[in-house]
Amino acid sequence: MYFATLTEVPILRAFMDLGMGNGPALALLLAGPTLSLPSMLVLGKIMGWRKTLTYVALVVVMATITGYIFGFIVP
């Protein structure tokens, strides 16, 4: 999902008001701006597609782990 700069905060607030947990919200906040389609296209042209796919995979894994741990720490 593509978020313009600083619009992810009110969107996440709305999601959290609807029942989204703290962990998934943090994961979305960490990975959302990084994994937008325009960002990935630019990175693919600059770094090459193999490095870009590795970067995307690492961001997904680390954001998921961080959100999972944060969800247990902060109820």
N, C-alpha and C. Protein backbone atom coordinates (compact mmCIF):
# COMPACT_ATOMS: atom_id res chain seq x y z
N MET A 1 0.85 -1.17 0.00
CA MET A 1 0.00 0.00 0.00
C MET A 1 0.90 1.23 0.00
N TYR A 2 0.64 2.20 -0.88
CA TYR A 2 1.45 3.40 -0.94
C TYR A 2 0.86 4.46 -0.04
N PHE A 3 1.69 5.05 0.80
CA PHE A 3 1.28 6.15 1.66
C PHE A 3 2.10 7.38 1.29
N ALA A 4 1.45 8.51 1.14
CA ALA A 4 2.20 9.74 0.98
C ALA A 4 2.83 10.09 2.33
N THR A 5 3.80 10.99 2.30
CA THR A 5 4.53 11.34 3.51
C THR A 5 3.58 11.86 4.59
N LEU A 6 3.70 11.33 5.78
CA LEU A 6 2.96 11.68 6.99
C LEU A 6 1.47 11.37 6.93
N THR A 7 0.99 10.63 5.92
CA THR A 7 -0.40 10.21 5.94
C THR A 7 -0.57 8.85 6.60
N GLU A 8 0.54 8.14 6.80
CA GLU A 8 0.41 6.83 7.43
C GLU A 8 0.01 6.94 8.89
N VAL A 9 0.31 8.03 9.56
CA VAL A 9 -0.02 8.17 10.98
C VAL A 9 -1.54 8.25 11.18
N PRO A 10 -2.27 9.13 10.49
CA PRO A 10 -3.73 9.12 10.67
C PRO A 10 -4.39 7.82 10.19
N ILE A 11 -3.85 7.22 9.14
CA ILE A 11 -4.41 5.95 8.66
C ILE A 11 -4.22 4.87 9.72
N LEU A 12 -3.02 4.81 10.30
CA LEU A 12 -2.77 3.82 11.36
C LEU A 12 -3.63 4.10 12.59
N ARG A 13 -3.84 5.37 12.91
CA ARG A 13 -4.70 5.71 14.05
C ARG A 13 -6.11 5.19 13.82
N ALA A 14 -6.61 5.34 12.59
CA ALA A 14 -7.95 4.83 12.26
C ALA A 14 -7.98 3.31 12.37
N PHE A 15 -6.94 2.64 11.87
CA PHE A 15 -6.87 1.18 11.98
C PHE A 15 -6.84 0.75 13.44
N MET A 16 -6.08 1.46 14.26
CA MET A 16 -5.98 1.10 15.67
C MET A 16 -7.30 1.36 16.39
N ASP A 17 -8.01 2.41 16.00
CA ASP A 17 -9.33 2.66 16.58
C ASP A 17 -10.32 1.56 16.22
N LEU A 18 -10.10 0.92 15.08
CA LEU A 18 -10.96 -0.18 14.65
C LEU A 18 -10.52 -1.53 15.22
N GLY A 19 -9.43 -1.55 15.99
CA GLY A 19 -9.03 -2.77 16.68
C GLY A 19 -7.69 -3.36 16.28
N MET A 20 -6.94 -2.68 15.45
CA MET A 20 -5.62 -3.21 15.06
C MET A 20 -4.69 -3.17 16.27
N GLY A 21 -3.90 -4.21 16.43
CA GLY A 21 -2.97 -4.28 17.55
C GLY A 21 -1.74 -3.40 17.35
N ASN A 22 -0.99 -3.21 18.43
CA ASN A 22 0.21 -2.38 18.37
C ASN A 22 1.31 -2.98 17.51
N GLY A 23 1.48 -4.30 17.58
CA GLY A 23 2.52 -4.97 16.82
C GLY A 23 2.32 -4.86 15.31
N PRO A 24 1.13 -5.22 14.79
CA PRO A 24 0.90 -5.06 13.36
C PRO A 24 0.98 -3.60 12.90
N ALA A 25 0.57 -2.68 13.76
CA ALA A 25 0.66 -1.26 13.41
C ALA A 25 2.12 -0.84 13.26
N LEU A 26 2.97 -1.29 14.16
CA LEU A 26 4.39 -0.96 14.06
C LEU A 26 5.00 -1.57 12.80
N ALA A 27 4.65 -2.81 12.51
CA ALA A 27 5.18 -3.46 11.31
C ALA A 27 4.76 -2.71 10.06
N LEU A 28 3.50 -2.27 9.99
CA LEU A 28 3.04 -1.49 8.85
C LEU A 28 3.75 -0.16 8.77
N LEU A 29 3.97 0.47 9.90
CA LEU A 29 4.66 1.76 9.92
C LEU A 29 6.12 1.62 9.49
N LEU A 30 6.76 0.53 9.84
CA LEU A 30 8.15 0.30 9.44
C LEU A 30 8.27 -0.07 7.96
N ALA A 31 7.41 -0.96 7.51
CA ALA A 31 7.56 -1.50 6.15
C ALA A 31 6.81 -0.70 5.09
N GLY A 32 5.78 0.01 5.46
CA GLY A 32 4.94 0.71 4.49
C GLY A 32 5.68 1.67 3.57
N PRO A 33 6.36 2.66 4.10
CA PRO A 33 7.06 3.60 3.22
C PRO A 33 8.21 2.96 2.45
N THR A 34 8.84 1.98 3.05
CA THR A 34 9.99 1.33 2.42
C THR A 34 9.57 0.48 1.23
N LEU A 35 8.42 -0.16 1.33
CA LEU A 35 8.01 -1.12 0.32
C LEU A 35 6.93 -0.61 -0.63
N SER A 36 6.88 0.68 -0.83
CA SER A 36 5.94 1.20 -1.81
C SER A 36 6.44 0.86 -3.21
N LEU A 37 5.53 0.75 -4.16
CA LEU A 37 5.90 0.39 -5.52
C LEU A 37 6.87 1.39 -6.14
N PRO A 38 6.63 2.72 -6.01
CA PRO A 38 7.61 3.66 -6.58
C PRO A 38 9.00 3.49 -5.98
N SER A 39 9.06 3.26 -4.68
CA SER A 39 10.35 3.07 -4.01
C SER A 39 11.07 1.83 -4.55
N MET A 40 10.33 0.74 -4.70
CA MET A 40 10.96 -0.50 -5.19
C MET A 40 11.40 -0.37 -6.65
N LEU A 41 10.64 0.33 -7.45
CA LEU A 41 11.04 0.52 -8.85
C LEU A 41 12.33 1.32 -8.97
N VAL A 42 12.44 2.37 -8.17
CA VAL A 42 13.66 3.18 -8.19
C VAL A 42 14.85 2.37 -7.69
N LEU A 43 14.65 1.65 -6.59
CA LEU A 43 15.73 0.82 -6.06
C LEU A 43 16.15 -0.25 -7.06
N GLY A 44 15.20 -0.82 -7.77
CA GLY A 44 15.51 -1.84 -8.76
C GLY A 44 16.38 -1.30 -9.89
N LYS A 45 16.11 -0.08 -10.30
CA LYS A 45 16.92 0.51 -11.37
C LYS A 45 18.31 0.91 -10.88
N ILE A 46 18.41 1.33 -9.63
CA ILE A 46 19.69 1.78 -9.09
C ILE A 46 20.57 0.60 -8.66
N MET A 47 20.01 -0.31 -7.88
CA MET A 47 20.81 -1.39 -7.28
C MET A 47 20.77 -2.69 -8.08
N GLY A 48 19.80 -2.82 -8.98
CA GLY A 48 19.61 -4.10 -9.65
C GLY A 48 18.50 -4.86 -8.96
N TRP A 49 17.84 -5.75 -9.73
CA TRP A 49 16.65 -6.40 -9.19
C TRP A 49 16.97 -7.48 -8.16
N ARG A 50 18.09 -8.13 -8.27
CA ARG A 50 18.44 -9.17 -7.30
C ARG A 50 18.68 -8.57 -5.91
N LYS A 51 19.43 -7.48 -5.84
CA LYS A 51 19.67 -6.81 -4.56
C LYS A 51 18.38 -6.20 -4.02
N THR A 52 17.55 -5.68 -4.91
CA THR A 52 16.28 -5.08 -4.48
C THR A 52 15.37 -6.14 -3.87
N LEU A 53 15.28 -7.31 -4.49
CA LEU A 53 14.45 -8.38 -3.93
C LEU A 53 14.98 -8.87 -2.59
N THR A 54 16.29 -8.91 -2.45
CA THR A 54 16.89 -9.28 -1.17
C THR A 54 16.55 -8.23 -0.10
N TYR A 55 16.66 -6.97 -0.47
CA TYR A 55 16.32 -5.87 0.44
C TYR A 55 14.86 -5.94 0.86
N VAL A 56 13.97 -6.16 -0.09
CA VAL A 56 12.54 -6.24 0.20
C VAL A 56 12.26 -7.42 1.14
N ALA A 57 12.87 -8.55 0.87
CA ALA A 57 12.68 -9.72 1.73
C ALA A 57 13.17 -9.44 3.16
N LEU A 58 14.32 -8.80 3.28
CA LEU A 58 14.84 -8.46 4.61
C LEU A 58 13.93 -7.48 5.35
N VAL A 59 13.41 -6.49 4.65
CA VAL A 59 12.50 -5.52 5.28
C VAL A 59 11.24 -6.22 5.76
N VAL A 60 10.68 -7.10 4.95
CA VAL A 60 9.46 -7.81 5.34
C VAL A 60 9.72 -8.69 6.56
N VAL A 61 10.80 -9.43 6.54
CA VAL A 61 11.11 -10.33 7.65
C VAL A 61 11.39 -9.54 8.93
N MET A 62 12.21 -8.51 8.84
CA MET A 62 12.57 -7.75 10.05
C MET A 62 11.39 -6.95 10.60
N ALA A 63 10.57 -6.37 9.73
CA ALA A 63 9.39 -5.64 10.20
C ALA A 63 8.39 -6.59 10.86
N THR A 64 8.25 -7.78 10.30
CA THR A 64 7.34 -8.77 10.89
C THR A 64 7.83 -9.22 12.26
N ILE A 65 9.11 -9.52 12.36
CA ILE A 65 9.68 -9.94 13.65
C ILE A 65 9.56 -8.83 14.67
N THR A 66 9.89 -7.61 14.27
CA THR A 66 9.82 -6.48 15.19
C THR A 66 8.39 -6.25 15.66
N GLY A 67 7.43 -6.29 14.74
CA GLY A 67 6.03 -6.11 15.12
C GLY A 67 5.53 -7.22 16.02
N TYR A 68 5.97 -8.44 15.74
CA TYR A 68 5.57 -9.58 16.56
C TYR A 68 6.09 -9.42 17.99
N ILE A 69 7.35 -9.08 18.13
CA ILE A 69 7.94 -8.89 19.47
C ILE A 69 7.29 -7.70 20.18
N PHE A 70 7.12 -6.60 19.45
CA PHE A 70 6.50 -5.41 20.04
C PHE A 70 5.07 -5.69 20.49
N GLY A 71 4.37 -6.53 19.75
CA GLY A 71 3.00 -6.89 20.13
C GLY A 71 2.93 -7.65 21.44
N PHE A 72 3.97 -8.40 21.76
CA PHE A 72 4.01 -9.09 23.04
C PHE A 72 4.44 -8.17 24.18
N ILE A 73 5.31 -7.21 23.89
CA ILE A 73 5.82 -6.33 24.94
C ILE A 73 4.79 -5.27 25.33
N VAL A 74 4.17 -4.64 24.33
CA VAL A 74 3.20 -3.57 24.57
C VAL A 74 1.82 -4.11 24.25
N PRO A 75 1.00 -4.33 25.27
CA PRO A 75 -0.34 -4.90 25.02
C PRO A 75 -1.28 -3.91 24.35
